[in-house]
Amino acid sequence: MLVYRNIDLLPLFRNTVLTIGTFDGVHTGHQQVITQMKKRAFEVNGETVIITFDPHPRTVINAASGIKLINTLDEKIELLSDKGIDHLVIVPFTEKFAQLSAEDYISQFLIRYFRPHTLIIGYDHHFGKGRSGNYELLKLHTTTYQYQLMEIPAHVLDSISVSSTHIRQAIGHGDMNIANQLLGYTYFFSGLVVEGNKLGRSIGYPTANLDIPEKSKLIPGDGVYAVDVESSDEPGRRYQAMMNIGFRPTVDGSKRMIEVNIFQFDRSIYGYSLKVFVKKFLRPEIKFSGLDALKAQLALDREASIGV
């Protein structure tokens, strides 16, 4: 998959089969749209092109929305690259872009840069200033601009909407079974390994403390999880681990932290990125009577994590 971040440098695509969306999650609903795109591209000897936006349009149109995203842009690129899409175009979503009229959006954006052979879009797709453009307007211009319009079935759109909402809720509540089932893959996030107070090391469970650079990234709810991890200094190698997210009430913690204890691992990885694959929620965060009780529970957590 080729990725473009400057629409003024796009090549001339062949028989462009185009769709537009945030594709947050690249989940099982999105994958149905991708399958439809690839089928159409095969029929017309064309190339599949996805347009997505960065930042998320809602953060520009409603800066106070505080939206949390299932995927960062880099994660979205990684996931889409595995789906057999030919081209991904990342369009900067700015105030100026948001002010394009619906007519100009079609003529000065879609037609000028993409010349679509087939546009695959949902009946509820809106675009242009005030979201005034819609499926009917696109249909009206099919003859003028010589493109074919295909509608994403309502049941697929409903699946995408419902799945995205359920996935966000499930991750927020730590229900990884539901989240991972709807995603079609194991939910993951990445963080930078930073210095901690080394309390875990003192009780025999050293942890990698993570700082999440993407503040809009959705992080699972507080609790203990079975996870796999991959360090940026050893790409492709996964280790089993357990993770705690929360305020560490046993030691009167006042800051929400993400700590990962990696099994059979003794390297220093400060300053490296750690990719965490969240497999299963084990238990809520609990305040124990002391460090001995905490240590005993950590032994049980580790045993529960192995083989998940």
Protein backbone atom coordinates (compact mmCIF):
# COMPACT_ATOMS: atom_id res chain seq x y z
CA MET A 1 0.00 0.00 0.00
CA LEU A 2 1.31 3.42 -0.97
CA VAL A 3 0.67 6.29 1.44
CA TYR A 4 0.33 9.94 0.38
CA ARG A 5 0.24 12.99 2.64
CA ASN A 6 0.34 15.71 -0.02
CA ILE A 7 -2.62 15.73 -2.42
CA ASP A 8 -0.72 17.98 -4.83
CA LEU A 9 1.74 15.13 -5.46
CA LEU A 10 -0.74 12.35 -6.20
CA PRO A 11 -0.18 10.14 -9.24
CA LEU A 12 -2.86 9.56 -11.86
CA PHE A 13 -4.68 6.55 -10.48
CA ARG A 14 -6.06 3.93 -12.88
CA ASN A 15 -9.86 3.54 -12.78
CA THR A 16 -9.99 4.78 -9.21
CA VAL A 17 -12.31 2.89 -6.87
CA LEU A 18 -12.62 5.36 -4.02
CA THR A 19 -14.09 5.53 -0.56
CA ILE A 20 -13.80 8.11 2.21
CA GLY A 21 -13.87 7.72 5.95
CA THR A 22 -12.09 7.93 9.28
CA PHE A 23 -11.73 4.12 9.42
CA ASP A 24 -11.08 4.37 13.15
CA GLY A 25 -10.51 0.83 14.37
CA VAL A 26 -10.28 -0.75 10.88
CA HIS A 27 -12.66 -3.25 12.42
CA THR A 28 -14.83 -6.01 10.97
CA GLY A 29 -17.43 -3.53 9.67
CA HIS A 30 -14.78 -1.52 7.83
CA GLN A 31 -13.36 -4.73 6.44
CA GLN A 32 -16.66 -5.40 4.65
CA VAL A 33 -16.31 -2.07 2.83
CA ILE A 34 -12.72 -2.90 1.90
CA THR A 35 -13.85 -6.26 0.50
CA GLN A 36 -16.47 -4.47 -1.61
CA MET A 37 -13.83 -2.01 -2.88
CA LYS A 38 -11.42 -4.76 -3.89
CA LYS A 39 -14.16 -6.68 -5.69
CA ARG A 40 -15.15 -3.59 -7.66
CA ALA A 41 -11.53 -2.74 -8.51
CA PHE A 42 -11.07 -6.25 -9.90
CA GLU A 43 -14.20 -5.86 -12.05
CA VAL A 44 -13.03 -2.58 -13.64
CA ASN A 45 -9.27 -3.26 -13.64
CA GLY A 46 -8.86 -0.37 -11.24
CA GLU A 47 -6.98 0.66 -8.12
CA THR A 48 -8.41 0.97 -4.63
CA VAL A 49 -7.99 4.34 -2.92
CA ILE A 50 -9.03 5.25 0.61
CA ILE A 51 -9.20 8.89 1.67
CA THR A 52 -8.88 9.52 5.38
CA PHE A 53 -8.27 12.70 7.37
CA ASP A 54 -5.79 13.87 9.96
CA PRO A 55 -6.54 15.16 12.48
CA HIS A 56 -9.95 13.58 13.03
CA PRO A 57 -12.53 16.04 11.60
CA ARG A 58 -14.42 16.17 14.88
CA THR A 59 -11.39 17.67 16.65
CA VAL A 60 -11.41 20.57 14.18
CA ILE A 61 -15.16 21.13 13.89
CA ASN A 62 -15.68 20.68 17.64
CA ALA A 63 -12.38 21.19 19.40
CA ALA A 64 -13.96 20.57 22.79
CA SER A 65 -15.21 17.11 21.83
CA GLY A 66 -12.29 15.36 23.58
CA ILE A 67 -12.78 12.36 21.31
CA LYS A 68 -10.71 9.29 22.09
CA LEU A 69 -9.64 7.24 19.07
CA ILE A 70 -9.31 3.49 18.70
CA ASN A 71 -6.29 3.96 16.42
CA THR A 72 -3.58 6.54 16.04
CA LEU A 73 -2.80 7.50 12.44
CA ASP A 74 0.27 5.26 12.37
CA GLU A 75 -1.76 2.33 13.69
CA LYS A 76 -4.44 2.93 11.05
CA ILE A 77 -1.79 2.90 8.33
CA GLU A 78 -0.38 -0.34 9.71
CA LEU A 79 -3.79 -2.03 9.81
CA LEU A 80 -4.89 -0.87 6.35
CA SER A 81 -1.60 -1.94 4.80
CA ASP A 82 -2.48 -5.52 5.72
CA LYS A 83 -5.85 -5.38 3.94
CA GLY A 84 -4.67 -5.26 0.32
CA ILE A 85 -5.55 -1.62 -0.35
CA ASP A 86 -3.50 -0.03 -3.15
CA HIS A 87 -3.40 3.59 -1.98
CA LEU A 88 -4.11 5.52 1.22
CA VAL A 89 -4.38 9.31 0.95
CA ILE A 90 -4.16 11.24 4.23
CA VAL A 91 -5.75 14.65 3.79
CA PRO A 92 -4.98 17.35 6.37
CA PHE A 93 -8.32 18.38 7.84
CA THR A 94 -8.06 22.13 8.42
CA GLU A 95 -10.48 24.96 9.09
CA LYS A 96 -10.03 26.00 5.45
CA PHE A 97 -10.85 22.51 4.19
CA ALA A 98 -13.90 22.38 6.46
CA GLN A 99 -15.20 25.56 4.81
CA LEU A 100 -15.29 24.06 1.29
CA SER A 101 -18.82 24.15 -0.08
CA ALA A 102 -20.32 20.79 -0.98
CA GLU A 103 -20.12 21.65 -4.70
CA ASP A 104 -16.45 22.64 -4.41
CA TYR A 105 -15.73 19.52 -2.39
CA ILE A 106 -16.91 17.47 -5.36
CA SER A 107 -15.32 19.50 -8.17
CA GLN A 108 -12.19 20.90 -6.54
CA PHE A 109 -11.34 17.96 -4.33
CA LEU A 110 -12.82 14.64 -5.46
CA ILE A 111 -12.76 15.23 -9.20
CA ARG A 112 -9.64 17.40 -9.41
CA TYR A 113 -7.39 15.07 -7.43
CA PHE A 114 -8.92 11.61 -7.79
CA ARG A 115 -11.04 11.43 -10.98
CA PRO A 116 -12.97 8.46 -9.55
CA HIS A 117 -14.24 5.71 -11.77
CA THR A 118 -16.36 4.40 -8.88
CA LEU A 119 -17.19 6.13 -5.62
CA ILE A 120 -18.33 3.81 -2.84
CA ILE A 121 -20.11 5.76 -0.15
CA GLY A 122 -22.85 5.40 2.45
CA TYR A 123 -26.31 6.89 2.22
CA ASP A 124 -25.57 8.90 5.38
CA HIS A 125 -22.25 10.34 4.17
CA HIS A 126 -22.10 14.14 4.57
CA PHE A 127 -19.42 16.53 3.40
CA GLY A 128 -18.69 20.19 2.72
CA LYS A 129 -19.39 23.26 4.81
CA GLY A 130 -22.10 22.59 7.36
CA ARG A 131 -22.14 18.95 6.18
CA SER A 132 -24.53 20.09 3.45
CA GLY A 133 -23.36 17.59 0.84
CA ASN A 134 -24.82 14.11 0.79
CA TYR A 135 -25.33 10.95 -1.24
CA GLU A 136 -28.08 12.54 -3.33
CA LEU A 137 -25.81 15.42 -4.38
CA LEU A 138 -23.12 12.96 -5.44
CA LYS A 139 -25.73 11.02 -7.38
CA LEU A 140 -26.85 14.22 -9.11
CA HIS A 141 -23.33 14.79 -10.47
CA THR A 142 -22.62 11.28 -11.77
CA THR A 143 -23.36 12.30 -15.37
CA THR A 144 -21.54 15.62 -15.18
CA TYR A 145 -18.32 14.13 -13.86
CA GLN A 146 -18.64 10.63 -15.32
CA TYR A 147 -18.23 8.51 -12.22
CA GLN A 148 -20.26 5.60 -10.96
CA LEU A 149 -21.76 5.68 -7.49
CA MET A 150 -22.13 2.60 -5.33
CA GLU A 151 -23.93 2.66 -2.01
CA ILE A 152 -22.55 0.89 1.04
CA PRO A 153 -25.46 -1.23 2.29
CA ALA A 154 -27.31 0.15 5.30
CA HIS A 155 -26.66 -2.97 7.36
CA VAL A 156 -22.90 -2.55 6.83
CA LEU A 157 -23.06 1.12 7.84
CA ASP A 158 -25.06 0.23 10.91
CA SER A 159 -22.50 -2.44 11.72
CA ILE A 160 -19.66 0.09 11.44
CA SER A 161 -21.41 2.65 13.64
CA VAL A 162 -22.56 0.18 16.25
CA SER A 163 -19.21 -1.63 16.29
CA SER A 164 -17.18 1.57 16.73
CA THR A 165 -19.36 2.65 19.65
CA HIS A 166 -19.30 -0.78 21.27
CA ILE A 167 -15.54 -1.12 20.79
CA ARG A 168 -14.86 2.23 22.48
CA GLN A 169 -17.19 1.36 25.35
CA ALA A 170 -15.73 -2.13 25.73
CA ILE A 171 -12.13 -0.88 25.79
CA GLY A 172 -13.03 1.85 28.27
CA HIS A 173 -14.60 -0.77 30.56
CA GLY A 174 -11.80 -3.29 30.06
CA ASP A 175 -14.03 -5.79 28.23
CA MET A 176 -11.35 -6.99 25.84
CA ASN A 177 -13.24 -10.12 24.77
CA ILE A 178 -15.95 -8.00 23.15
CA ALA A 179 -13.52 -5.36 21.83
CA ASN A 180 -11.18 -7.86 20.20
CA GLN A 181 -14.06 -9.84 18.71
CA LEU A 182 -15.49 -6.72 17.05
CA LEU A 183 -12.07 -5.51 15.92
CA GLY A 184 -11.09 -8.82 14.38
CA TYR A 185 -7.63 -8.47 15.96
CA THR A 186 -6.08 -7.91 19.39
CA TYR A 187 -6.32 -4.30 20.51
CA PHE A 188 -2.95 -2.62 20.86
CA PHE A 189 -1.32 0.65 21.83
CA SER A 190 2.24 1.91 22.11
CA GLY A 191 4.04 3.89 24.79
CA LEU A 192 7.50 5.18 25.57
CA VAL A 193 9.28 3.38 28.43
CA VAL A 194 10.11 5.96 31.11
CA GLU A 195 11.70 5.93 34.56
CA GLY A 196 9.48 4.92 37.49
CA ASN A 197 10.05 4.64 41.22
CA LYS A 198 11.29 1.04 40.83
CA LEU A 199 8.93 -0.26 43.50
CA GLY A 200 8.06 -3.28 41.35
CA ARG A 201 11.71 -4.24 41.14
CA SER A 202 12.00 -4.20 44.93
CA ILE A 203 9.26 -6.83 45.28
CA GLY A 204 10.43 -9.01 42.40
CA TYR A 205 8.13 -7.67 39.67
CA PRO A 206 10.02 -5.02 37.71
CA THR A 207 7.79 -3.01 35.43
CA ALA A 208 8.15 -0.92 32.30
CA ASN A 209 6.32 2.35 32.95
CA LEU A 210 4.70 3.74 29.82
CA ASP A 211 4.05 7.28 28.68
CA ILE A 212 1.50 7.50 25.84
CA PRO A 213 2.54 10.24 23.39
CA GLU A 214 -0.79 10.27 21.52
CA LYS A 215 -3.13 11.84 24.06
CA SER A 216 -6.23 11.11 21.95
CA LYS A 217 -5.49 7.36 22.02
CA LEU A 218 -8.10 5.31 23.84
CA ILE A 219 -6.55 3.41 26.76
CA PRO A 220 -8.31 0.49 28.50
CA GLY A 221 -10.01 1.05 31.82
CA ASP A 222 -8.25 0.57 35.14
CA GLY A 223 -7.33 -2.96 36.12
CA VAL A 224 -4.92 -5.83 35.53
CA TYR A 225 -4.60 -7.40 32.09
CA ALA A 226 -2.90 -10.30 30.35
CA VAL A 227 -0.93 -8.83 27.46
CA ASP A 228 1.77 -9.51 24.91
CA VAL A 229 4.44 -6.89 24.27
CA GLU A 230 6.94 -6.05 21.58
CA SER A 231 9.86 -3.69 22.18
CA SER A 232 11.10 -1.39 19.41
CA ASP A 233 14.66 -2.63 20.00
CA GLU A 234 13.58 -6.16 19.06
CA PRO A 235 10.84 -5.79 16.42
CA GLY A 236 8.82 -8.90 15.67
CA ARG A 237 9.62 -10.61 18.99
CA ARG A 238 6.69 -10.84 21.38
CA TYR A 239 6.84 -11.57 25.10
CA GLN A 240 4.06 -12.54 27.47
CA ALA A 241 3.40 -9.99 30.18
CA MET A 242 0.86 -8.58 32.60
CA MET A 243 -0.17 -4.95 32.81
CA ASN A 244 -1.66 -2.76 35.51
CA ILE A 245 -3.51 0.45 34.68
CA GLY A 246 -4.54 2.65 37.55
CA PHE A 247 -3.51 4.64 40.61
CA ARG A 248 -1.73 1.91 42.63
CA PRO A 249 -3.87 2.35 45.78
CA THR A 250 -1.75 -0.03 47.87
CA VAL A 251 1.13 2.49 47.77
CA ASP A 252 -1.16 5.55 47.84
CA GLY A 253 -0.50 6.45 44.23
CA SER A 254 -1.93 9.76 43.05
CA LYS A 255 -1.20 9.49 39.32
CA ARG A 256 -2.76 7.12 36.81
CA MET A 257 0.00 4.89 35.50
CA ILE A 258 0.48 2.10 32.98
CA GLU A 259 2.94 -0.54 34.20
CA VAL A 260 3.94 -3.73 32.38
CA ASN A 261 5.73 -6.67 33.94
CA ILE A 262 7.36 -8.64 31.12
CA PHE A 263 7.96 -12.34 31.73
CA GLN A 264 11.42 -13.85 31.16
CA PHE A 265 12.86 -10.48 30.23
CA ASP A 266 15.83 -8.72 31.81
CA ARG A 267 16.94 -5.99 29.37
CA SER A 268 16.85 -2.27 30.04
CA ILE A 269 14.49 -0.67 27.51
CA TYR A 270 14.28 2.89 28.84
CA GLY A 271 13.69 5.25 25.94
CA TYR A 272 12.35 2.52 23.64
CA SER A 273 8.76 2.15 22.50
CA LEU A 274 6.74 -0.76 23.82
CA LYS A 275 3.80 -2.06 21.81
CA VAL A 276 1.17 -3.67 24.05
CA PHE A 277 -1.40 -6.19 22.76
CA VAL A 278 -4.25 -6.31 25.28
CA LYS A 279 -5.61 -9.85 25.41
CA LYS A 280 -7.70 -10.27 28.56
CA PHE A 281 -8.95 -8.39 31.61
CA LEU A 282 -7.92 -10.29 34.75
CA ARG A 283 -9.22 -8.26 37.69
CA PRO A 284 -9.95 -4.73 38.89
CA GLU A 285 -7.30 -2.73 40.70
CA ILE A 286 -7.46 -3.46 44.44
CA LYS A 287 -5.99 -1.83 47.53
CA PHE A 288 -4.13 -4.55 49.48
CA SER A 289 -3.18 -4.55 53.16
CA GLY A 290 0.49 -4.25 52.31
CA LEU A 291 3.28 -5.16 49.90
CA ASP A 292 3.31 -8.82 50.92
CA ALA A 293 -0.36 -9.21 50.03
CA LEU A 294 0.25 -7.36 46.76
CA LYS A 295 3.19 -9.61 45.94
CA ALA A 296 1.08 -12.73 46.59
CA GLN A 297 -1.64 -11.46 44.25
CA LEU A 298 0.91 -10.60 41.55
CA ALA A 299 2.05 -14.22 41.60
CA LEU A 300 -1.54 -15.28 40.93
CA ASP A 301 -1.92 -12.65 38.19
CA ARG A 302 1.22 -13.88 36.47
CA GLU A 303 -0.04 -17.47 36.55
CA ALA A 304 -3.39 -16.36 35.13
CA SER A 305 -1.63 -14.44 32.32
CA ILE A 306 0.51 -17.32 31.09
CA GLY A 307 -1.03 -19.09 28.15
CA VAL A 308 -3.88 -16.63 27.58
